[in-house]
Amino acid sequence: VQLVESGGGLVQPGGSLRVSCAASGITFSIYTMGWYRQAPGKERELVATITRAESTNYVDSVKGRFAISRDNARNTVYLQMNSLKPEDTAVYYCNANLYGSGINYWGQGTQVTVSS
């Protein structure tokens, strides 16, 4: 199983960025996919999830700014991040969770830095 994130980088405050996560080795369409982030010195936190039925959930701090989506044909989940703030700076991790099974996979993370 591999989850490979891409699209991170440096962006100015107020800017936008889209990160992607390509999955292999799993039946992607049945997994709940999620994005988490971890800033230096802080615990990893949930950012957004999207279920197999494409129901979405967001942490309050990103509601209205971030959008999670999935493309089951490409086995890929996306996180569109708009109106970025310096406090969004973190390593963003992709997660695949098979609901009710305890099966959980992580990507290696991609760095997002919001700075002028």
N, C-alpha and C. Protein backbone atom coordinates (compact mmCIF):
# COMPACT_ATOMS: atom_id res chain seq x y z
N VAL A 1 0.85 -1.18 0.00
CA VAL A 1 0.00 0.00 0.00
C VAL A 1 0.89 1.24 0.00
N GLN A 2 0.55 2.17 -0.86
CA GLN A 2 1.28 3.44 -0.90
C GLN A 2 0.31 4.60 -1.01
N LEU A 3 0.56 5.62 -0.20
CA LEU A 3 -0.13 6.91 -0.32
C LEU A 3 0.96 7.93 -0.56
N VAL A 4 0.91 8.60 -1.71
CA VAL A 4 1.97 9.52 -2.09
C VAL A 4 1.39 10.92 -2.26
N GLU A 5 1.80 11.81 -1.35
CA GLU A 5 1.33 13.19 -1.40
C GLU A 5 2.22 14.01 -2.33
N SER A 6 1.62 15.04 -2.90
CA SER A 6 2.36 15.98 -3.74
C SER A 6 1.65 17.32 -3.72
N GLY A 7 2.36 18.36 -4.17
CA GLY A 7 1.74 19.66 -4.33
C GLY A 7 2.03 20.65 -3.22
N GLY A 8 2.77 20.25 -2.21
CA GLY A 8 3.11 21.19 -1.16
C GLY A 8 4.11 22.22 -1.65
N GLY A 9 4.37 23.22 -0.81
CA GLY A 9 5.33 24.25 -1.18
C GLY A 9 5.18 25.49 -0.36
N LEU A 10 5.79 26.56 -0.85
CA LEU A 10 5.76 27.86 -0.18
C LEU A 10 4.73 28.75 -0.88
N VAL A 11 3.86 29.37 -0.09
CA VAL A 11 2.85 30.27 -0.65
C VAL A 11 2.70 31.46 0.28
N GLN A 12 2.35 32.60 -0.29
CA GLN A 12 2.17 33.81 0.51
C GLN A 12 0.81 33.78 1.22
N PRO A 13 0.71 34.48 2.33
CA PRO A 13 -0.60 34.58 3.00
C PRO A 13 -1.67 35.10 2.05
N GLY A 14 -2.85 34.46 2.12
CA GLY A 14 -3.93 34.80 1.20
C GLY A 14 -3.92 34.01 -0.08
N GLY A 15 -2.86 33.27 -0.31
CA GLY A 15 -2.73 32.49 -1.53
C GLY A 15 -3.44 31.15 -1.46
N SER A 16 -3.31 30.39 -2.54
CA SER A 16 -3.95 29.09 -2.66
C SER A 16 -2.93 28.02 -3.03
N LEU A 17 -3.29 26.80 -2.67
CA LEU A 17 -2.44 25.66 -2.98
C LEU A 17 -3.35 24.43 -3.02
N ARG A 18 -3.04 23.48 -3.88
CA ARG A 18 -3.76 22.21 -3.89
C ARG A 18 -2.77 21.07 -3.67
N VAL A 19 -3.02 20.28 -2.67
CA VAL A 19 -2.21 19.08 -2.45
C VAL A 19 -3.01 17.86 -2.90
N SER A 20 -2.28 16.86 -3.37
CA SER A 20 -2.89 15.63 -3.88
C SER A 20 -2.30 14.43 -3.17
N CYS A 21 -3.06 13.35 -3.17
CA CYS A 21 -2.59 12.09 -2.60
C CYS A 21 -3.04 10.97 -3.51
N ALA A 22 -2.06 10.30 -4.12
CA ALA A 22 -2.36 9.17 -4.99
C ALA A 22 -2.17 7.87 -4.23
N ALA A 23 -3.20 7.04 -4.26
CA ALA A 23 -3.18 5.79 -3.52
C ALA A 23 -2.99 4.61 -4.46
N SER A 24 -2.29 3.60 -3.97
CA SER A 24 -2.15 2.35 -4.70
C SER A 24 -2.15 1.20 -3.71
N GLY A 25 -2.59 0.05 -4.17
CA GLY A 25 -2.60 -1.13 -3.31
C GLY A 25 -3.82 -1.29 -2.46
N ILE A 26 -4.81 -0.40 -2.62
CA ILE A 26 -6.06 -0.51 -1.88
C ILE A 26 -7.22 -0.32 -2.84
N THR A 27 -8.39 -0.79 -2.42
CA THR A 27 -9.61 -0.51 -3.18
C THR A 27 -10.07 0.88 -2.76
N PHE A 28 -9.53 1.86 -3.43
CA PHE A 28 -9.62 3.26 -3.01
C PHE A 28 -11.06 3.69 -2.73
N SER A 29 -11.99 3.27 -3.57
CA SER A 29 -13.34 3.82 -3.49
C SER A 29 -14.07 3.49 -2.20
N ILE A 30 -13.63 2.47 -1.47
CA ILE A 30 -14.35 2.08 -0.26
C ILE A 30 -13.75 2.70 1.00
N TYR A 31 -12.66 3.41 0.85
CA TYR A 31 -11.98 4.01 2.00
C TYR A 31 -12.47 5.43 2.27
N THR A 32 -12.54 5.77 3.55
CA THR A 32 -12.64 7.17 3.94
C THR A 32 -11.24 7.76 3.84
N MET A 33 -11.13 8.84 3.11
CA MET A 33 -9.83 9.50 2.92
C MET A 33 -9.80 10.79 3.74
N GLY A 34 -8.62 11.07 4.26
CA GLY A 34 -8.51 12.26 5.08
C GLY A 34 -7.18 12.96 4.93
N TRP A 35 -7.18 14.22 5.31
CA TRP A 35 -5.96 15.01 5.40
C TRP A 35 -5.78 15.43 6.85
N TYR A 36 -4.57 15.24 7.34
CA TYR A 36 -4.17 15.67 8.66
C TYR A 36 -2.97 16.60 8.49
N ARG A 37 -2.66 17.35 9.55
CA ARG A 37 -1.46 18.19 9.50
C ARG A 37 -0.80 18.23 10.86
N GLN A 38 0.49 18.48 10.82
CA GLN A 38 1.26 18.59 12.05
C GLN A 38 2.24 19.73 11.93
N ALA A 39 2.07 20.72 12.78
CA ALA A 39 2.97 21.86 12.83
C ALA A 39 4.08 21.58 13.84
N PRO A 40 5.21 22.25 13.71
CA PRO A 40 6.32 22.00 14.65
C PRO A 40 5.88 22.21 16.09
N GLY A 41 6.19 21.23 16.93
CA GLY A 41 5.87 21.33 18.34
C GLY A 41 4.42 21.07 18.69
N LYS A 42 3.62 20.70 17.70
CA LYS A 42 2.21 20.46 17.94
C LYS A 42 1.84 19.03 17.58
N GLU A 43 0.68 18.60 18.08
CA GLU A 43 0.20 17.27 17.75
C GLU A 43 -0.43 17.27 16.35
N ARG A 44 -0.46 16.09 15.75
CA ARG A 44 -1.12 15.95 14.46
C ARG A 44 -2.62 16.16 14.65
N GLU A 45 -3.22 16.95 13.75
CA GLU A 45 -4.64 17.22 13.86
C GLU A 45 -5.35 16.90 12.55
N LEU A 46 -6.62 16.52 12.69
CA LEU A 46 -7.45 16.26 11.53
C LEU A 46 -7.79 17.57 10.85
N VAL A 47 -7.67 17.60 9.53
CA VAL A 47 -8.05 18.78 8.75
C VAL A 47 -9.38 18.55 8.06
N ALA A 48 -9.48 17.44 7.33
CA ALA A 48 -10.71 17.18 6.55
C ALA A 48 -10.78 15.71 6.22
N THR A 49 -12.02 15.21 6.09
CA THR A 49 -12.23 13.84 5.64
C THR A 49 -13.32 13.80 4.59
N ILE A 50 -13.28 12.75 3.77
CA ILE A 50 -14.33 12.51 2.78
C ILE A 50 -14.61 11.01 2.76
N THR A 51 -15.87 10.65 2.94
CA THR A 51 -16.23 9.26 3.01
C THR A 51 -16.40 8.66 1.62
N ARG A 52 -16.67 7.37 1.58
CA ARG A 52 -16.92 6.70 0.30
C ARG A 52 -18.16 7.26 -0.37
N ALA A 53 -19.09 7.79 0.42
CA ALA A 53 -20.29 8.43 -0.12
C ALA A 53 -20.08 9.91 -0.40
N GLU A 54 -18.83 10.37 -0.23
CA GLU A 54 -18.43 11.75 -0.49
C GLU A 54 -19.04 12.74 0.48
N SER A 55 -19.34 12.27 1.68
CA SER A 55 -19.69 13.18 2.76
C SER A 55 -18.40 13.77 3.33
N THR A 56 -18.38 15.07 3.55
CA THR A 56 -17.15 15.73 3.99
C THR A 56 -17.28 16.29 5.40
N ASN A 57 -16.12 16.45 6.03
CA ASN A 57 -16.06 17.00 7.37
C ASN A 57 -14.77 17.81 7.48
N TYR A 58 -14.85 18.96 8.18
CA TYR A 58 -13.68 19.84 8.30
C TYR A 58 -13.49 20.29 9.74
N VAL A 59 -12.24 20.52 10.10
CA VAL A 59 -11.97 21.18 11.37
C VAL A 59 -12.43 22.63 11.24
N ASP A 60 -12.89 23.20 12.34
CA ASP A 60 -13.49 24.54 12.28
C ASP A 60 -12.55 25.58 11.68
N SER A 61 -11.27 25.47 11.95
CA SER A 61 -10.31 26.50 11.53
C SER A 61 -10.13 26.59 10.02
N VAL A 62 -10.59 25.59 9.27
CA VAL A 62 -10.43 25.63 7.81
C VAL A 62 -11.75 25.70 7.06
N LYS A 63 -12.86 25.64 7.78
CA LYS A 63 -14.18 25.68 7.13
C LYS A 63 -14.33 26.96 6.31
N GLY A 64 -14.80 26.79 5.08
CA GLY A 64 -14.98 27.93 4.19
C GLY A 64 -13.73 28.29 3.42
N ARG A 65 -12.59 27.70 3.77
CA ARG A 65 -11.33 28.00 3.07
C ARG A 65 -10.77 26.79 2.34
N PHE A 66 -10.94 25.61 2.93
CA PHE A 66 -10.40 24.37 2.35
C PHE A 66 -11.53 23.52 1.79
N ALA A 67 -11.20 22.73 0.77
CA ALA A 67 -12.18 21.80 0.20
C ALA A 67 -11.49 20.49 -0.13
N ILE A 68 -12.04 19.40 0.39
CA ILE A 68 -11.52 18.07 0.10
C ILE A 68 -12.40 17.44 -0.98
N SER A 69 -11.76 16.71 -1.89
CA SER A 69 -12.50 16.01 -2.94
C SER A 69 -11.75 14.75 -3.30
N ARG A 70 -12.43 13.87 -4.02
CA ARG A 70 -11.80 12.61 -4.40
C ARG A 70 -12.16 12.28 -5.84
N ASP A 71 -11.25 11.57 -6.51
CA ASP A 71 -11.47 11.07 -7.85
C ASP A 71 -11.19 9.57 -7.80
N ASN A 72 -12.25 8.79 -7.71
CA ASN A 72 -12.07 7.34 -7.56
C ASN A 72 -11.47 6.71 -8.82
N ALA A 73 -11.68 7.31 -9.96
CA ALA A 73 -11.09 6.78 -11.20
C ALA A 73 -9.57 6.92 -11.21
N ARG A 74 -9.08 7.93 -10.51
CA ARG A 74 -7.64 8.18 -10.44
C ARG A 74 -7.03 7.76 -9.10
N ASN A 75 -7.87 7.20 -8.20
CA ASN A 75 -7.40 6.79 -6.87
C ASN A 75 -6.68 7.94 -6.16
N THR A 76 -7.26 9.11 -6.26
CA THR A 76 -6.60 10.31 -5.76
C THR A 76 -7.57 11.15 -4.93
N VAL A 77 -7.04 11.70 -3.83
CA VAL A 77 -7.79 12.65 -3.01
C VAL A 77 -7.04 13.97 -3.04
N TYR A 78 -7.81 15.05 -3.04
CA TYR A 78 -7.25 16.39 -3.14
C TYR A 78 -7.65 17.22 -1.93
N LEU A 79 -6.83 18.22 -1.63
CA LEU A 79 -7.20 19.24 -0.66
C LEU A 79 -6.89 20.59 -1.29
N GLN A 80 -7.93 21.31 -1.65
CA GLN A 80 -7.78 22.65 -2.17
C GLN A 80 -7.78 23.62 -1.00
N MET A 81 -6.71 24.40 -0.88
CA MET A 81 -6.55 25.31 0.24
C MET A 81 -6.52 26.74 -0.28
N ASN A 82 -7.47 27.53 0.14
CA ASN A 82 -7.58 28.94 -0.26
C ASN A 82 -7.43 29.84 0.97
N SER A 83 -7.17 31.10 0.71
CA SER A 83 -7.03 32.10 1.79
C SER A 83 -6.10 31.58 2.88
N LEU A 84 -4.97 31.09 2.46
CA LEU A 84 -4.04 30.47 3.41
C LEU A 84 -3.48 31.48 4.39
N LYS A 85 -3.26 30.99 5.61
CA LYS A 85 -2.75 31.80 6.70
C LYS A 85 -1.44 31.20 7.21
N PRO A 86 -0.60 32.02 7.84
CA PRO A 86 0.65 31.46 8.38
C PRO A 86 0.41 30.29 9.32
N GLU A 87 -0.70 30.30 10.04
CA GLU A 87 -0.97 29.20 10.98
C GLU A 87 -1.38 27.91 10.27
N ASP A 88 -1.53 27.93 8.95
CA ASP A 88 -1.76 26.71 8.19
C ASP A 88 -0.46 25.99 7.87
N THR A 89 0.66 26.62 8.19
CA THR A 89 1.97 26.00 7.94
C THR A 89 2.09 24.71 8.72
N ALA A 90 2.40 23.62 8.02
CA ALA A 90 2.50 22.30 8.65
C ALA A 90 2.92 21.28 7.59
N VAL A 91 3.23 20.10 8.06
CA VAL A 91 3.34 18.94 7.17
C VAL A 91 1.94 18.34 7.06
N TYR A 92 1.48 18.19 5.83
CA TYR A 92 0.15 17.65 5.57
C TYR A 92 0.27 16.18 5.18
N TYR A 93 -0.51 15.35 5.89
CA TYR A 93 -0.46 13.91 5.70
C TYR A 93 -1.79 13.40 5.15
N CYS A 94 -1.69 12.47 4.23
CA CYS A 94 -2.86 11.79 3.68
C CYS A 94 -3.12 10.53 4.51
N ASN A 95 -4.39 10.23 4.71
CA ASN A 95 -4.79 9.06 5.48
C ASN A 95 -5.88 8.30 4.75
N ALA A 96 -5.79 6.99 4.79
CA ALA A 96 -6.85 6.12 4.25
C ALA A 96 -7.34 5.23 5.37
N ASN A 97 -8.63 5.27 5.62
CA ASN A 97 -9.22 4.51 6.72
C ASN A 97 -10.39 3.67 6.22
N LEU A 98 -10.35 2.37 6.54
CA LEU A 98 -11.46 1.50 6.18
C LEU A 98 -12.38 1.41 7.39
N TYR A 99 -13.49 2.07 7.30
CA TYR A 99 -14.40 2.25 8.43
C TYR A 99 -14.77 0.94 9.11
N GLY A 100 -14.58 0.92 10.44
CA GLY A 100 -14.99 -0.24 11.23
C GLY A 100 -14.04 -1.40 11.22
N SER A 101 -12.91 -1.27 10.51
CA SER A 101 -12.00 -2.41 10.37
C SER A 101 -10.73 -2.25 11.17
N GLY A 102 -10.40 -1.02 11.53
CA GLY A 102 -9.11 -0.77 12.16
C GLY A 102 -7.97 -0.62 11.18
N ILE A 103 -8.26 -0.76 9.90
CA ILE A 103 -7.23 -0.62 8.87
C ILE A 103 -7.03 0.85 8.56
N ASN A 104 -5.78 1.26 8.63
CA ASN A 104 -5.46 2.69 8.54
C ASN A 104 -4.08 2.83 7.90
N TYR A 105 -3.98 3.66 6.87
CA TYR A 105 -2.70 3.88 6.20
C TYR A 105 -2.38 5.36 6.14
N TRP A 106 -1.06 5.66 6.13
CA TRP A 106 -0.59 7.05 6.10
C TRP A 106 0.39 7.26 4.96
N GLY A 107 0.37 8.48 4.42
CA GLY A 107 1.40 8.90 3.49
C GLY A 107 2.60 9.45 4.25
N GLN A 108 3.59 9.88 3.48
CA GLN A 108 4.84 10.35 4.10
C GLN A 108 4.79 11.84 4.42
N GLY A 109 3.81 12.54 3.92
CA GLY A 109 3.63 13.95 4.23
C GLY A 109 4.22 14.88 3.19
N THR A 110 3.63 16.06 3.09
CA THR A 110 4.15 17.10 2.20
C THR A 110 4.11 18.43 2.96
N GLN A 111 5.19 19.19 2.86
CA GLN A 111 5.32 20.43 3.61
C GLN A 111 4.56 21.56 2.93
N VAL A 112 3.76 22.26 3.70
CA VAL A 112 3.09 23.48 3.25
C VAL A 112 3.55 24.61 4.15
N THR A 113 4.12 25.64 3.55
CA THR A 113 4.61 26.79 4.29
C THR A 113 3.93 28.05 3.78
N VAL A 114 3.30 28.77 4.70
CA VAL A 114 2.61 30.02 4.34
C VAL A 114 3.39 31.16 4.98
N SER A 115 4.05 31.93 4.13
CA SER A 115 4.92 32.98 4.64
C SER A 115 5.15 34.03 3.55
N SER A 116 5.33 35.26 3.99
CA SER A 116 5.65 36.32 3.04
C SER A 116 7.16 36.52 2.96
